[in-house]
């Protein structure tokens, strides 16, 4: 799988050098495994991973562990951006996280100092969710706005981006190429 992803990365860059391949690895351990399988070749330009209330509750130190992996990956691959995605949806027995938890997650992620930006997902409510952040945006961001900085809606994601995040991105998921975005 890592070799295939490295080949996809190579094809994207052969097609258009400035194109940034964005992959959601779920966890940065997956990025690390894919890079090992690829022989150290790049498998993404922007590595996403998910942050959920469940992961943070079940794995004390989850953010710190992901931050350590992000630092190592960025040392091994110059220009790699690592961006956490904070889950803010409800459905299938999972309640919508409260603004206090979201605020705490944002602070933990920003305090780690290892990430290039921050995404909240999903922005709009997909068919599998009962609620998404867009449904409760004013309530969440009344508390988060002072710390959030600039935000932008990109597809189904609400992004808090650092100035270093590349301007062009190809969003890739299990289903394949989802969107080509330029901001």
Protein backbone atom coordinates (compact mmCIF):
# COMPACT_ATOMS: atom_id res chain seq x y z
CA UNK A 1 0.00 0.00 0.00
CA UNK A 2 2.82 2.42 0.84
CA UNK A 3 4.50 1.82 -2.53
CA UNK A 4 1.18 2.44 -4.31
CA UNK A 5 0.63 5.69 -2.45
CA UNK A 6 4.20 6.79 -3.20
CA UNK A 7 3.56 6.07 -6.89
CA UNK A 8 0.32 8.11 -6.75
CA UNK A 9 2.28 10.95 -5.16
CA UNK A 10 4.85 10.71 -7.95
CA UNK A 11 2.12 10.74 -10.63
CA UNK A 12 0.46 13.82 -9.10
CA UNK A 13 3.77 15.68 -9.08
CA UNK A 14 4.58 14.60 -12.65
CA UNK A 15 1.17 15.94 -13.72
CA UNK A 16 1.55 19.23 -11.90
CA UNK A 17 4.53 20.02 -9.71
CA UNK A 18 2.65 22.45 -7.45
CA UNK A 19 -0.19 20.00 -6.77
CA UNK A 20 -0.27 18.94 -3.12
CA UNK A 21 -1.48 15.43 -2.33
CA UNK A 22 -3.58 15.40 0.85
CA UNK A 23 -4.26 12.06 2.50
CA UNK A 24 -6.28 11.33 5.64
CA UNK A 25 -4.33 8.65 7.46
CA UNK A 26 -6.71 8.52 10.42
CA UNK A 27 -3.68 8.18 12.70
CA UNK A 28 -0.10 9.19 12.04
CA UNK A 29 1.06 5.65 12.80
CA UNK A 30 -0.49 4.81 9.43
CA UNK A 31 1.59 7.53 7.72
CA UNK A 32 4.70 6.11 9.37
CA UNK A 33 3.86 2.57 8.18
CA UNK A 34 3.14 3.77 4.62
CA UNK A 35 6.45 5.65 4.48
CA UNK A 36 8.30 2.52 5.67
CA UNK A 37 6.53 0.42 3.02
CA UNK A 38 7.48 2.99 0.36
CA UNK A 39 11.15 2.82 1.32
CA UNK A 40 10.97 6.37 2.68
CA UNK A 41 9.51 7.89 -0.49
CA UNK A 42 6.88 10.61 0.07
CA UNK A 43 3.31 9.31 0.22
CA UNK A 44 1.62 12.69 0.79
CA UNK A 45 2.35 16.39 0.92
CA UNK A 46 -0.28 17.04 3.57
CA UNK A 47 -0.99 14.31 6.12
CA UNK A 48 -4.33 14.50 7.92
CA UNK A 49 -5.26 12.55 11.04
CA UNK A 50 -8.43 12.51 13.13
CA UNK A 51 -8.99 13.70 16.66
CA UNK A 52 -12.13 12.45 18.35
CA UNK A 53 -13.44 12.68 21.88
CA UNK A 54 -13.28 8.87 22.04
CA UNK A 55 -9.59 8.71 21.02
CA UNK A 56 -8.65 11.41 23.50
CA UNK A 57 -10.65 9.72 26.27
CA UNK A 58 -9.32 6.21 25.59
CA UNK A 59 -5.72 7.23 24.87
CA UNK A 60 -4.33 9.77 27.34
CA UNK A 61 -1.48 11.49 25.56
CA UNK A 62 -3.01 10.94 22.10
CA UNK A 63 -2.24 14.49 20.94
CA UNK A 64 1.30 14.37 22.32
CA UNK A 65 1.93 11.02 20.61
CA UNK A 66 0.62 12.30 17.28
CA UNK A 67 2.70 15.47 17.68
CA UNK A 68 5.86 13.39 18.18
CA UNK A 69 5.08 11.39 15.04
CA UNK A 70 4.38 14.62 13.14
CA UNK A 71 7.73 16.09 14.15
CA UNK A 72 9.56 12.94 13.08
CA UNK A 73 7.73 12.77 9.73
CA UNK A 74 8.41 16.45 9.04
CA UNK A 75 12.11 15.91 9.82
CA UNK A 76 12.24 12.99 7.38
CA UNK A 77 10.27 14.74 4.62
CA UNK A 78 10.96 18.42 4.05
CA UNK A 79 7.83 20.43 3.31
CA UNK A 80 5.40 17.86 4.72
CA UNK A 81 2.40 19.52 6.35
CA UNK A 82 0.56 17.67 9.14
CA UNK A 83 -3.00 18.76 9.93
CA UNK A 84 -5.31 17.30 12.58
CA UNK A 85 -9.04 17.00 11.83
CA UNK A 86 -11.26 17.45 14.88
CA UNK A 87 -14.47 15.42 14.58
CA UNK A 88 -17.53 17.55 15.27
CA UNK A 89 -20.48 15.42 14.26
CA UNK A 90 -23.14 13.31 15.92
CA UNK A 91 -24.66 10.06 14.76
CA UNK A 92 -24.70 6.29 15.14
CA UNK A 93 -24.76 6.57 18.92
CA UNK A 94 -21.94 9.14 19.03
CA UNK A 95 -23.08 12.43 20.62
CA UNK A 96 -22.03 15.81 19.28
CA UNK A 97 -19.01 16.90 21.32
CA UNK A 98 -19.67 19.90 23.52
CA UNK A 99 -17.93 23.21 22.81
CA UNK A 100 -15.83 22.80 25.94
CA UNK A 101 -14.30 19.56 24.65
CA UNK A 102 -13.73 21.11 21.20
CA UNK A 103 -12.06 24.13 22.81
CA UNK A 104 -9.83 21.85 24.90
CA UNK A 105 -8.89 19.80 21.83
CA UNK A 106 -8.02 22.99 19.93
CA UNK A 107 -5.83 24.19 22.78
CA UNK A 108 -4.07 20.82 23.07
CA UNK A 109 -3.42 20.69 19.32
CA UNK A 110 -2.20 24.26 19.11
CA UNK A 111 -0.11 23.82 22.25
CA UNK A 112 1.66 20.81 20.73
CA UNK A 113 3.34 23.15 18.24
CA UNK A 114 3.72 20.40 15.64
CA UNK A 115 0.87 21.02 13.23
CA UNK A 116 0.35 23.21 10.15
CA UNK A 117 -3.30 24.03 10.70
CA UNK A 118 -6.51 22.56 12.04
CA UNK A 119 -9.65 21.19 10.37
CA UNK A 120 -13.08 20.62 11.84
CA UNK A 121 -15.10 18.00 9.98
CA UNK A 122 -17.60 17.61 8.54
CA UNK A 123 -18.83 21.11 7.81
CA UNK A 124 -22.15 20.02 6.28
CA UNK A 125 -24.16 17.07 7.55
CA UNK A 126 -23.44 13.91 5.56
CA UNK A 127 -26.10 11.20 5.27
CA UNK A 128 -24.47 9.13 8.03
CA UNK A 129 -24.57 11.90 10.65
CA UNK A 130 -27.42 13.43 12.61
CA UNK A 131 -25.61 16.75 13.17
CA UNK A 132 -22.48 18.47 11.95
CA UNK A 133 -20.63 21.60 12.96
CA UNK A 134 -22.61 23.77 10.53
CA UNK A 135 -25.77 22.91 12.51
CA UNK A 136 -24.26 24.34 15.69
CA UNK A 137 -21.69 26.80 14.32
CA UNK A 138 -22.75 29.84 16.37
CA UNK A 139 -22.71 27.88 19.64
CA UNK A 140 -19.30 26.32 18.98
CA UNK A 141 -17.64 29.46 17.77
CA UNK A 142 -18.98 31.81 20.37
CA UNK A 143 -16.53 30.00 22.66
CA UNK A 144 -13.81 29.24 20.11
CA UNK A 145 -13.64 32.48 18.10
CA UNK A 146 -11.10 34.25 20.35
CA UNK A 147 -8.60 31.40 19.91
CA UNK A 148 -9.55 30.19 16.45
CA UNK A 149 -7.96 32.71 14.12
CA UNK A 150 -8.86 32.79 10.45
CA UNK A 151 -11.22 30.09 9.26
CA UNK A 152 -12.29 29.01 5.82
CA UNK A 153 -14.81 26.49 4.54
CA UNK A 154 -13.10 24.06 2.12
CA UNK A 155 -15.55 21.54 0.73
CA UNK A 156 -17.00 19.76 3.76
CA UNK A 157 -14.30 21.01 6.08
CA UNK A 158 -13.96 24.09 8.24
CA UNK A 159 -10.29 24.94 8.33
CA UNK A 160 -8.19 26.98 10.71
CA UNK A 161 -5.10 27.32 8.58
CA UNK A 162 -1.63 28.53 9.22
CA UNK A 163 -0.09 30.75 6.53
CA UNK A 164 2.34 27.96 5.63
CA UNK A 165 -0.33 25.55 4.37
CA UNK A 166 0.05 25.17 0.59
CA UNK A 167 -2.35 26.92 -1.74
CA UNK A 168 -3.28 23.94 -3.85
CA UNK A 169 -4.39 20.57 -2.59
CA UNK A 170 -5.83 17.34 -3.92
CA UNK A 171 -8.08 15.75 -1.32
CA UNK A 172 -7.82 11.98 -1.47
CA UNK A 173 -9.76 9.42 0.51
CA UNK A 174 -10.61 5.75 0.27
CA UNK A 175 -13.13 6.55 -2.47
CA UNK A 176 -10.42 8.20 -4.59
CA UNK A 177 -10.03 11.77 -5.70
CA UNK A 178 -12.76 13.79 -4.02
CA UNK A 179 -11.98 17.37 -4.89
CA UNK A 180 -9.30 19.65 -6.17
CA UNK A 181 -9.14 22.79 -4.13
CA UNK A 182 -7.34 26.07 -4.46
CA UNK A 183 -7.57 28.84 -1.92
